[in-house]
Amino acid sequence: MVVFRKWAQSIFFLFSGGFIIFLTAAAWADGDSEVESFMHHYLNTFDTGHIWEITPLYSDPFYMLAPSGGIKSFEGARDIKKSIKDWKFYMKKAGVATSRYIQLNVKALSEDTDLASAEVERADEHGKVRANTGATYTLIRVDGQWKIYLIHLHSRETVFNFQ
């Protein structure tokens, strides 16, 4: 009877540990799809939304890292709104009407921090590609909501593949 009890306890602890690992992996997987949904919502909102819909998707402060290594900080709602207006103005001036990700890759760094990396293709209203660039986003969860903390623009050939 004692041998059976020890054997049953061992099996219980073995399966409990495996079950906990399974639940943790499932939670992280759900987090990836949650971040992917956020990123697609962000890109669609940036293309079609109004400034008051776009601004809350960014962290305050928010940072942009240029391919040259220069970094710019945007602090406060007024500064973030102005930067978005400027980006949208220059994109419209260049004939850009829509954007899409080519192979969006997401990697959880922790429960509240993720990376998303993709080639971003920008096209005019007829579908003609106007620009392609690589972008890697650092996302943080603030009060239960994902926010963009940093956008690192880079060559489309250097997009991260987290597979």
N, C-alpha and C. Protein backbone atom coordinates (compact mmCIF):
# COMPACT_ATOMS: atom_id res chain seq x y z
N MET A 1 0.82 -1.19 0.00
CA MET A 1 0.00 0.00 0.00
C MET A 1 0.87 1.26 0.00
N VAL A 2 1.95 1.26 0.79
CA VAL A 2 2.85 2.41 0.84
C VAL A 2 3.51 2.62 -0.52
N VAL A 3 3.90 1.53 -1.18
CA VAL A 3 4.54 1.61 -2.49
C VAL A 3 3.55 2.20 -3.50
N PHE A 4 2.32 1.76 -3.44
CA PHE A 4 1.30 2.27 -4.35
C PHE A 4 1.07 3.78 -4.13
N ARG A 5 1.03 4.21 -2.86
CA ARG A 5 0.82 5.62 -2.55
C ARG A 5 1.97 6.47 -3.09
N LYS A 6 3.21 6.02 -2.91
CA LYS A 6 4.37 6.76 -3.42
C LYS A 6 4.34 6.81 -4.95
N TRP A 7 3.95 5.69 -5.55
CA TRP A 7 3.87 5.64 -7.01
C TRP A 7 2.79 6.61 -7.50
N ALA A 8 1.64 6.63 -6.83
CA ALA A 8 0.53 7.52 -7.21
C ALA A 8 0.92 8.98 -7.01
N GLN A 9 1.64 9.29 -5.92
CA GLN A 9 2.10 10.66 -5.70
C GLN A 9 3.08 11.09 -6.79
N SER A 10 3.98 10.21 -7.16
CA SER A 10 4.95 10.53 -8.22
C SER A 10 4.25 10.82 -9.53
N ILE A 11 3.27 9.99 -9.88
CA ILE A 11 2.52 10.20 -11.12
C ILE A 11 1.76 11.53 -11.05
N PHE A 12 1.15 11.80 -9.89
CA PHE A 12 0.41 13.05 -9.72
C PHE A 12 1.31 14.26 -9.93
N PHE A 13 2.48 14.28 -9.28
CA PHE A 13 3.39 15.42 -9.41
C PHE A 13 3.94 15.54 -10.83
N LEU A 14 4.20 14.43 -11.47
CA LEU A 14 4.70 14.44 -12.84
C LEU A 14 3.66 15.06 -13.78
N PHE A 15 2.42 14.60 -13.69
CA PHE A 15 1.36 15.14 -14.55
C PHE A 15 0.99 16.57 -14.18
N SER A 16 1.04 16.92 -12.91
CA SER A 16 0.75 18.30 -12.50
C SER A 16 1.76 19.26 -13.10
N GLY A 17 3.04 18.89 -13.03
CA GLY A 17 4.09 19.73 -13.62
C GLY A 17 3.91 19.88 -15.12
N GLY A 18 3.61 18.79 -15.80
CA GLY A 18 3.39 18.84 -17.25
C GLY A 18 2.18 19.69 -17.60
N PHE A 19 1.13 19.58 -16.79
CA PHE A 19 -0.08 20.36 -17.04
C PHE A 19 0.18 21.86 -16.86
N ILE A 20 0.95 22.21 -15.84
CA ILE A 20 1.29 23.62 -15.61
C ILE A 20 2.12 24.16 -16.77
N ILE A 21 3.08 23.38 -17.25
CA ILE A 21 3.89 23.79 -18.40
C ILE A 21 3.00 23.97 -19.62
N PHE A 22 2.07 23.05 -19.82
CA PHE A 22 1.14 23.15 -20.95
C PHE A 22 0.30 24.42 -20.86
N LEU A 23 -0.24 24.73 -19.68
CA LEU A 23 -1.05 25.94 -19.53
C LEU A 23 -0.24 27.20 -19.76
N THR A 24 1.00 27.22 -19.27
CA THR A 24 1.87 28.38 -19.48
C THR A 24 2.14 28.57 -20.96
N ALA A 25 2.45 27.50 -21.68
CA ALA A 25 2.71 27.59 -23.12
C ALA A 25 1.46 28.07 -23.86
N ALA A 26 0.30 27.58 -23.45
CA ALA A 26 -0.94 27.99 -24.10
C ALA A 26 -1.21 29.48 -23.86
N ALA A 27 -0.92 29.95 -22.66
CA ALA A 27 -1.12 31.37 -22.37
C ALA A 27 -0.21 32.24 -23.22
N TRP A 28 1.05 31.83 -23.39
CA TRP A 28 1.97 32.60 -24.22
C TRP A 28 1.52 32.56 -25.67
N ALA A 29 1.01 31.44 -26.12
CA ALA A 29 0.53 31.33 -27.51
C ALA A 29 -0.65 32.27 -27.73
N ASP A 30 -1.57 32.33 -26.75
CA ASP A 30 -2.70 33.25 -26.85
C ASP A 30 -2.20 34.68 -26.89
N GLY A 31 -1.13 34.97 -26.11
CA GLY A 31 -0.54 36.30 -26.11
C GLY A 31 -0.03 36.68 -27.48
N ASP A 32 0.58 35.74 -28.20
CA ASP A 32 1.08 36.01 -29.54
C ASP A 32 -0.06 36.39 -30.47
N SER A 33 -1.16 35.62 -30.44
CA SER A 33 -2.28 35.94 -31.33
C SER A 33 -2.93 37.26 -30.91
N GLU A 34 -2.91 37.56 -29.63
CA GLU A 34 -3.44 38.84 -29.14
C GLU A 34 -2.60 40.00 -29.69
N VAL A 35 -1.28 39.83 -29.69
CA VAL A 35 -0.39 40.86 -30.21
C VAL A 35 -0.53 40.98 -31.72
N GLU A 36 -0.66 39.85 -32.41
CA GLU A 36 -0.87 39.90 -33.87
C GLU A 36 -2.16 40.66 -34.19
N SER A 37 -3.22 40.40 -33.44
CA SER A 37 -4.48 41.12 -33.64
C SER A 37 -4.30 42.61 -33.39
N PHE A 38 -3.58 42.94 -32.32
CA PHE A 38 -3.31 44.35 -32.02
C PHE A 38 -2.55 45.01 -33.17
N MET A 39 -1.53 44.33 -33.70
CA MET A 39 -0.71 44.91 -34.76
C MET A 39 -1.52 45.14 -36.04
N HIS A 40 -2.38 44.20 -36.39
CA HIS A 40 -3.23 44.38 -37.57
C HIS A 40 -4.24 45.52 -37.35
N HIS A 41 -4.79 45.58 -36.14
CA HIS A 41 -5.70 46.68 -35.78
C HIS A 41 -4.96 48.02 -35.87
N TYR A 42 -3.74 48.06 -35.35
CA TYR A 42 -2.93 49.29 -35.39
C TYR A 42 -2.71 49.75 -36.83
N LEU A 43 -2.28 48.84 -37.70
CA LEU A 43 -1.98 49.23 -39.08
C LEU A 43 -3.24 49.71 -39.80
N ASN A 44 -4.35 49.01 -39.61
CA ASN A 44 -5.62 49.41 -40.22
C ASN A 44 -6.07 50.77 -39.68
N THR A 45 -5.95 50.96 -38.38
CA THR A 45 -6.35 52.23 -37.76
C THR A 45 -5.45 53.36 -38.24
N PHE A 46 -4.15 53.08 -38.38
CA PHE A 46 -3.23 54.12 -38.85
C PHE A 46 -3.60 54.55 -40.27
N ASP A 47 -3.98 53.59 -41.11
CA ASP A 47 -4.35 53.90 -42.50
C ASP A 47 -5.69 54.63 -42.61
N THR A 48 -6.67 54.22 -41.82
CA THR A 48 -8.04 54.71 -42.03
C THR A 48 -8.61 55.51 -40.87
N GLY A 49 -7.94 55.49 -39.73
CA GLY A 49 -8.52 56.10 -38.54
C GLY A 49 -8.21 57.57 -38.38
N HIS A 50 -8.86 58.16 -37.41
CA HIS A 50 -8.64 59.55 -37.04
C HIS A 50 -7.58 59.61 -35.96
N ILE A 51 -7.01 60.78 -35.77
CA ILE A 51 -5.90 60.96 -34.85
C ILE A 51 -6.26 60.50 -33.43
N TRP A 52 -7.49 60.73 -32.99
CA TRP A 52 -7.88 60.33 -31.63
C TRP A 52 -8.02 58.81 -31.49
N GLU A 53 -8.14 58.10 -32.61
CA GLU A 53 -8.18 56.64 -32.57
C GLU A 53 -6.78 56.04 -32.60
N ILE A 54 -5.85 56.74 -33.22
CA ILE A 54 -4.49 56.23 -33.38
C ILE A 54 -3.63 56.49 -32.15
N THR A 55 -3.73 57.69 -31.59
CA THR A 55 -2.87 58.11 -30.48
C THR A 55 -2.88 57.14 -29.30
N PRO A 56 -4.02 56.61 -28.86
CA PRO A 56 -4.01 55.71 -27.70
C PRO A 56 -3.26 54.39 -27.93
N LEU A 57 -2.90 54.09 -29.17
CA LEU A 57 -2.18 52.84 -29.46
C LEU A 57 -0.69 52.96 -29.15
N TYR A 58 -0.23 54.16 -28.85
CA TYR A 58 1.17 54.41 -28.52
C TYR A 58 1.34 54.62 -27.03
N SER A 59 2.48 54.17 -26.53
CA SER A 59 2.86 54.43 -25.15
C SER A 59 3.24 55.90 -25.02
N ASP A 60 3.14 56.43 -23.84
CA ASP A 60 3.60 57.79 -23.57
C ASP A 60 4.63 57.71 -22.45
N PRO A 61 5.91 57.89 -22.73
CA PRO A 61 6.53 58.30 -24.00
C PRO A 61 6.61 57.14 -25.00
N PHE A 62 6.87 57.53 -26.23
CA PHE A 62 7.00 56.61 -27.35
C PHE A 62 8.29 56.98 -28.08
N TYR A 63 9.00 55.96 -28.61
CA TYR A 63 10.29 56.20 -29.24
C TYR A 63 10.31 55.67 -30.67
N MET A 64 11.10 56.34 -31.51
CA MET A 64 11.31 55.90 -32.90
C MET A 64 12.83 55.83 -33.10
N LEU A 65 13.29 54.67 -33.59
CA LEU A 65 14.71 54.46 -33.85
C LEU A 65 14.90 54.37 -35.36
N ALA A 66 15.69 55.29 -35.91
CA ALA A 66 15.93 55.35 -37.36
C ALA A 66 16.97 54.31 -37.77
N PRO A 67 17.01 53.97 -39.06
CA PRO A 67 18.02 53.02 -39.54
C PRO A 67 19.45 53.49 -39.25
N SER A 68 19.65 54.79 -39.18
CA SER A 68 20.98 55.35 -38.90
C SER A 68 21.37 55.22 -37.44
N GLY A 69 20.41 54.88 -36.58
CA GLY A 69 20.68 54.75 -35.16
C GLY A 69 20.17 55.94 -34.35
N GLY A 70 19.73 56.98 -35.04
CA GLY A 70 19.18 58.13 -34.33
C GLY A 70 17.87 57.77 -33.67
N ILE A 71 17.67 58.29 -32.47
CA ILE A 71 16.44 57.98 -31.74
C ILE A 71 15.70 59.28 -31.44
N LYS A 72 14.39 59.22 -31.55
CA LYS A 72 13.55 60.38 -31.28
C LYS A 72 12.50 59.97 -30.25
N SER A 73 12.29 60.84 -29.29
CA SER A 73 11.31 60.60 -28.24
C SER A 73 10.09 61.48 -28.48
N PHE A 74 8.91 60.91 -28.28
CA PHE A 74 7.66 61.65 -28.39
C PHE A 74 6.97 61.54 -27.03
N GLU A 75 6.83 62.67 -26.35
CA GLU A 75 6.26 62.65 -25.01
C GLU A 75 5.03 63.54 -24.95
N GLY A 76 4.01 63.02 -24.33
CA GLY A 76 2.77 63.77 -24.18
C GLY A 76 1.86 63.59 -25.38
N ALA A 77 0.58 63.67 -25.15
CA ALA A 77 -0.41 63.46 -26.21
C ALA A 77 -0.22 64.43 -27.37
N ARG A 78 0.09 65.68 -27.07
CA ARG A 78 0.25 66.69 -28.13
C ARG A 78 1.42 66.33 -29.05
N ASP A 79 2.55 65.93 -28.49
CA ASP A 79 3.73 65.57 -29.28
C ASP A 79 3.47 64.31 -30.12
N ILE A 80 2.81 63.33 -29.52
CA ILE A 80 2.50 62.08 -30.24
C ILE A 80 1.52 62.37 -31.38
N LYS A 81 0.48 63.16 -31.12
CA LYS A 81 -0.49 63.50 -32.17
C LYS A 81 0.18 64.25 -33.32
N LYS A 82 1.06 65.19 -32.99
CA LYS A 82 1.75 65.95 -34.03
C LYS A 82 2.60 65.04 -34.90
N SER A 83 3.30 64.09 -34.28
CA SER A 83 4.16 63.18 -35.06
C SER A 83 3.31 62.31 -35.99
N ILE A 84 2.17 61.84 -35.51
CA ILE A 84 1.29 61.01 -36.35
C ILE A 84 0.74 61.83 -37.51
N LYS A 85 0.32 63.06 -37.23
CA LYS A 85 -0.18 63.93 -38.30
C LYS A 85 0.90 64.15 -39.36
N ASP A 86 2.14 64.38 -38.91
CA ASP A 86 3.26 64.58 -39.85
C ASP A 86 3.49 63.34 -40.70
N TRP A 87 3.51 62.15 -40.07
CA TRP A 87 3.74 60.90 -40.81
C TRP A 87 2.64 60.70 -41.85
N LYS A 88 1.40 60.89 -41.42
CA LYS A 88 0.28 60.69 -42.34
C LYS A 88 0.33 61.71 -43.50
N PHE A 89 0.73 62.95 -43.21
CA PHE A 89 0.84 63.96 -44.25
C PHE A 89 1.88 63.55 -45.29
N TYR A 90 3.07 63.14 -44.83
CA TYR A 90 4.13 62.77 -45.77
C TYR A 90 3.79 61.49 -46.54
N MET A 91 3.11 60.56 -45.91
CA MET A 91 2.70 59.35 -46.61
C MET A 91 1.68 59.69 -47.69
N LYS A 92 0.71 60.54 -47.36
CA LYS A 92 -0.30 60.93 -48.35
C LYS A 92 0.35 61.69 -49.51
N LYS A 93 1.30 62.55 -49.18
CA LYS A 93 2.01 63.31 -50.20
C LYS A 93 2.79 62.38 -51.14
N ALA A 94 3.28 61.25 -50.61
CA ALA A 94 4.01 60.27 -51.42
C ALA A 94 3.07 59.32 -52.16
N GLY A 95 1.76 59.51 -51.99
CA GLY A 95 0.78 58.68 -52.69
C GLY A 95 0.40 57.41 -51.97
N VAL A 96 0.79 57.27 -50.71
CA VAL A 96 0.47 56.06 -49.95
C VAL A 96 -0.96 56.12 -49.44
N ALA A 97 -1.73 55.07 -49.73
CA ALA A 97 -3.12 55.00 -49.28
C ALA A 97 -3.35 53.83 -48.32
N THR A 98 -2.60 52.75 -48.49
CA THR A 98 -2.78 51.57 -47.64
C THR A 98 -1.42 50.98 -47.26
N SER A 99 -1.45 50.22 -46.18
CA SER A 99 -0.25 49.53 -45.70
C SER A 99 -0.63 48.10 -45.37
N ARG A 100 0.35 47.21 -45.48
CA ARG A 100 0.12 45.83 -45.05
C ARG A 100 1.44 45.23 -44.60
N TYR A 101 1.32 44.26 -43.69
CA TYR A 101 2.50 43.53 -43.23
C TYR A 101 2.74 42.36 -44.16
N ILE A 102 3.98 42.11 -44.44
CA ILE A 102 4.38 40.90 -45.14
C ILE A 102 5.05 40.03 -44.09
N GLN A 103 4.42 38.92 -43.75
CA GLN A 103 4.92 37.97 -42.75
C GLN A 103 5.24 38.66 -41.42
N LEU A 104 4.19 38.99 -40.67
CA LEU A 104 4.35 39.56 -39.34
C LEU A 104 4.85 38.47 -38.40
N ASN A 105 5.94 38.74 -37.70
CA ASN A 105 6.53 37.78 -36.76
C ASN A 105 6.45 38.37 -35.35
N VAL A 106 5.97 37.58 -34.40
CA VAL A 106 5.77 38.04 -33.03
C VAL A 106 6.52 37.13 -32.07
N LYS A 107 7.14 37.74 -31.05
CA LYS A 107 7.87 36.97 -30.04
C LYS A 107 7.62 37.61 -28.68
N ALA A 108 7.10 36.81 -27.75
CA ALA A 108 6.89 37.28 -26.39
C ALA A 108 8.23 37.29 -25.66
N LEU A 109 8.56 38.41 -25.03
CA LEU A 109 9.76 38.50 -24.21
C LEU A 109 9.42 38.27 -22.74
N SER A 110 8.23 38.68 -22.36
CA SER A 110 7.71 38.45 -21.02
C SER A 110 6.19 38.54 -21.11
N GLU A 111 5.54 38.45 -19.99
CA GLU A 111 4.08 38.51 -19.99
C GLU A 111 3.56 39.85 -20.52
N ASP A 112 4.34 40.92 -20.30
CA ASP A 112 3.89 42.25 -20.68
C ASP A 112 4.78 42.96 -21.70
N THR A 113 5.65 42.22 -22.37
CA THR A 113 6.54 42.79 -23.39
C THR A 113 6.66 41.83 -24.56
N ASP A 114 6.43 42.34 -25.76
CA ASP A 114 6.54 41.54 -26.98
C ASP A 114 7.32 42.31 -28.04
N LEU A 115 7.86 41.57 -28.99
CA LEU A 115 8.44 42.14 -30.19
C LEU A 115 7.59 41.72 -31.37
N ALA A 116 7.39 42.62 -32.31
CA ALA A 116 6.71 42.29 -33.57
C ALA A 116 7.59 42.86 -34.68
N SER A 117 7.90 42.03 -35.67
CA SER A 117 8.79 42.45 -36.75
C SER A 117 8.18 42.05 -38.08
N ALA A 118 8.25 42.96 -39.05
CA ALA A 118 7.64 42.68 -40.36
C ALA A 118 8.19 43.62 -41.42
N GLU A 119 8.03 43.17 -42.64
CA GLU A 119 8.20 44.08 -43.76
C GLU A 119 6.87 44.80 -43.92
N VAL A 120 6.92 46.12 -44.03
CA VAL A 120 5.71 46.91 -44.20
C VAL A 120 5.69 47.41 -45.64
N GLU A 121 4.65 47.02 -46.35
CA GLU A 121 4.49 47.43 -47.74
C GLU A 121 3.44 48.53 -47.80
N ARG A 122 3.79 49.63 -48.44
CA ARG A 122 2.88 50.77 -48.55
C ARG A 122 2.52 50.95 -50.03
N ALA A 123 1.22 51.05 -50.32
CA ALA A 123 0.75 51.13 -51.70
C ALA A 123 -0.20 52.31 -51.89
N ASP A 124 -0.36 52.71 -53.15
CA ASP A 124 -1.31 53.78 -53.46
C ASP A 124 -2.71 53.18 -53.60
N GLU A 125 -3.69 54.02 -53.94
CA GLU A 125 -5.08 53.55 -54.01
C GLU A 125 -5.32 52.56 -55.14
N HIS A 126 -4.37 52.43 -56.08
CA HIS A 126 -4.50 51.47 -57.18
C HIS A 126 -3.73 50.17 -56.90
N GLY A 127 -3.08 50.09 -55.74
CA GLY A 127 -2.34 48.89 -55.38
C GLY A 127 -0.87 48.91 -55.79
N LYS A 128 -0.42 49.99 -56.41
CA LYS A 128 0.98 50.09 -56.80
C LYS A 128 1.82 50.35 -55.55
N VAL A 129 2.83 49.50 -55.35
CA VAL A 129 3.68 49.61 -54.16
C VAL A 129 4.53 50.88 -54.27
N ARG A 130 4.45 51.71 -53.24
CA ARG A 130 5.19 52.97 -53.19
C ARG A 130 6.44 52.86 -52.31
N ALA A 131 6.39 51.98 -51.31
CA ALA A 131 7.52 51.86 -50.39
C ALA A 131 7.46 50.53 -49.66
N ASN A 132 8.62 50.01 -49.35
CA ASN A 132 8.76 48.83 -48.49
C ASN A 132 9.84 49.16 -47.46
N THR A 133 9.58 48.80 -46.24
CA THR A 133 10.58 48.99 -45.20
C THR A 133 10.42 47.89 -44.17
N GLY A 134 11.46 47.67 -43.40
CA GLY A 134 11.37 46.76 -42.26
C GLY A 134 11.03 47.57 -41.02
N ALA A 135 10.25 47.00 -40.15
CA ALA A 135 9.91 47.67 -38.89
C ALA A 135 9.83 46.62 -37.79
N THR A 136 10.47 46.90 -36.69
CA THR A 136 10.37 46.05 -35.51
C THR A 136 9.80 46.90 -34.38
N TYR A 137 8.73 46.41 -33.80
CA TYR A 137 8.00 47.13 -32.77
C TYR A 137 8.26 46.47 -31.42
N THR A 138 8.54 47.28 -30.41
CA THR A 138 8.56 46.81 -29.03
C THR A 138 7.24 47.23 -28.43
N LEU A 139 6.50 46.24 -27.93
CA LEU A 139 5.17 46.48 -27.38
C LEU A 139 5.18 46.21 -25.89
N ILE A 140 4.48 47.04 -25.14
CA ILE A 140 4.33 46.82 -23.71
C ILE A 140 2.84 46.83 -23.38
N ARG A 141 2.50 46.08 -22.35
CA ARG A 141 1.10 46.06 -21.90
C ARG A 141 0.97 47.07 -20.75
N VAL A 142 0.07 48.03 -20.94
CA VAL A 142 -0.17 49.07 -19.95
C VAL A 142 -1.64 49.00 -19.57
N ASP A 143 -1.90 48.75 -18.30
CA ASP A 143 -3.29 48.64 -17.81
C ASP A 143 -4.11 47.66 -18.64
N GLY A 144 -3.49 46.53 -19.02
CA GLY A 144 -4.18 45.48 -19.77
C GLY A 144 -4.27 45.71 -21.27
N GLN A 145 -3.74 46.83 -21.77
CA GLN A 145 -3.81 47.16 -23.19
C GLN A 145 -2.41 47.18 -23.79
N TRP A 146 -2.26 46.61 -24.99
CA TRP A 146 -0.97 46.67 -25.69
C TRP A 146 -0.77 48.07 -26.25
N LYS A 147 0.48 48.55 -26.13
CA LYS A 147 0.86 49.87 -26.63
C LYS A 147 2.21 49.74 -27.33
N ILE A 148 2.42 50.57 -28.34
CA ILE A 148 3.70 50.60 -29.04
C ILE A 148 4.63 51.51 -28.26
N TYR A 149 5.75 50.94 -27.81
CA TYR A 149 6.73 51.68 -27.02
C TYR A 149 7.87 52.19 -27.89
N LEU A 150 8.27 51.37 -28.88
CA LEU A 150 9.38 51.71 -29.75
C LEU A 150 9.14 51.14 -31.14
N ILE A 151 9.38 51.96 -32.16
CA ILE A 151 9.39 51.46 -33.53
C ILE A 151 10.81 51.63 -34.05
N HIS A 152 11.38 50.53 -34.49
CA HIS A 152 12.73 50.55 -35.07
C HIS A 152 12.58 50.30 -36.56
N LEU A 153 12.83 51.33 -37.36
CA LEU A 153 12.78 51.19 -38.81
C LEU A 153 14.13 50.69 -39.30
N HIS A 154 14.09 49.76 -40.25
CA HIS A 154 15.33 49.17 -40.76
C HIS A 154 15.06 48.58 -42.14
N SER A 155 16.10 48.00 -42.70
CA SER A 155 15.98 47.37 -44.01
C SER A 155 14.99 46.21 -43.96
N ARG A 156 14.25 46.03 -45.01
CA ARG A 156 13.29 44.91 -45.05
C ARG A 156 14.00 43.57 -45.05
N GLU A 157 15.27 43.53 -45.42
CA GLU A 157 16.04 42.28 -45.41
C GLU A 157 16.43 41.86 -44.00
N THR A 158 16.29 42.74 -43.03
CA THR A 158 16.70 42.42 -41.66
C THR A 158 15.52 42.23 -40.71
N VAL A 159 14.35 41.91 -41.25
CA VAL A 159 13.18 41.61 -40.42
C VAL A 159 13.47 40.34 -39.64
N PHE A 160 13.12 40.33 -38.36
CA PHE A 160 13.34 39.16 -37.52
C PHE A 160 12.35 38.05 -37.87
N ASN A 161 12.85 36.84 -37.90
CA ASN A 161 12.01 35.65 -38.06
C ASN A 161 12.15 34.86 -36.77
N PHE A 162 11.14 34.86 -35.94
CA PHE A 162 11.21 34.25 -34.62
C PHE A 162 10.86 32.76 -34.61
N GLN A 163 10.74 32.11 -35.77
CA GLN A 163 10.35 30.70 -35.83
C GLN A 163 11.40 29.84 -35.18
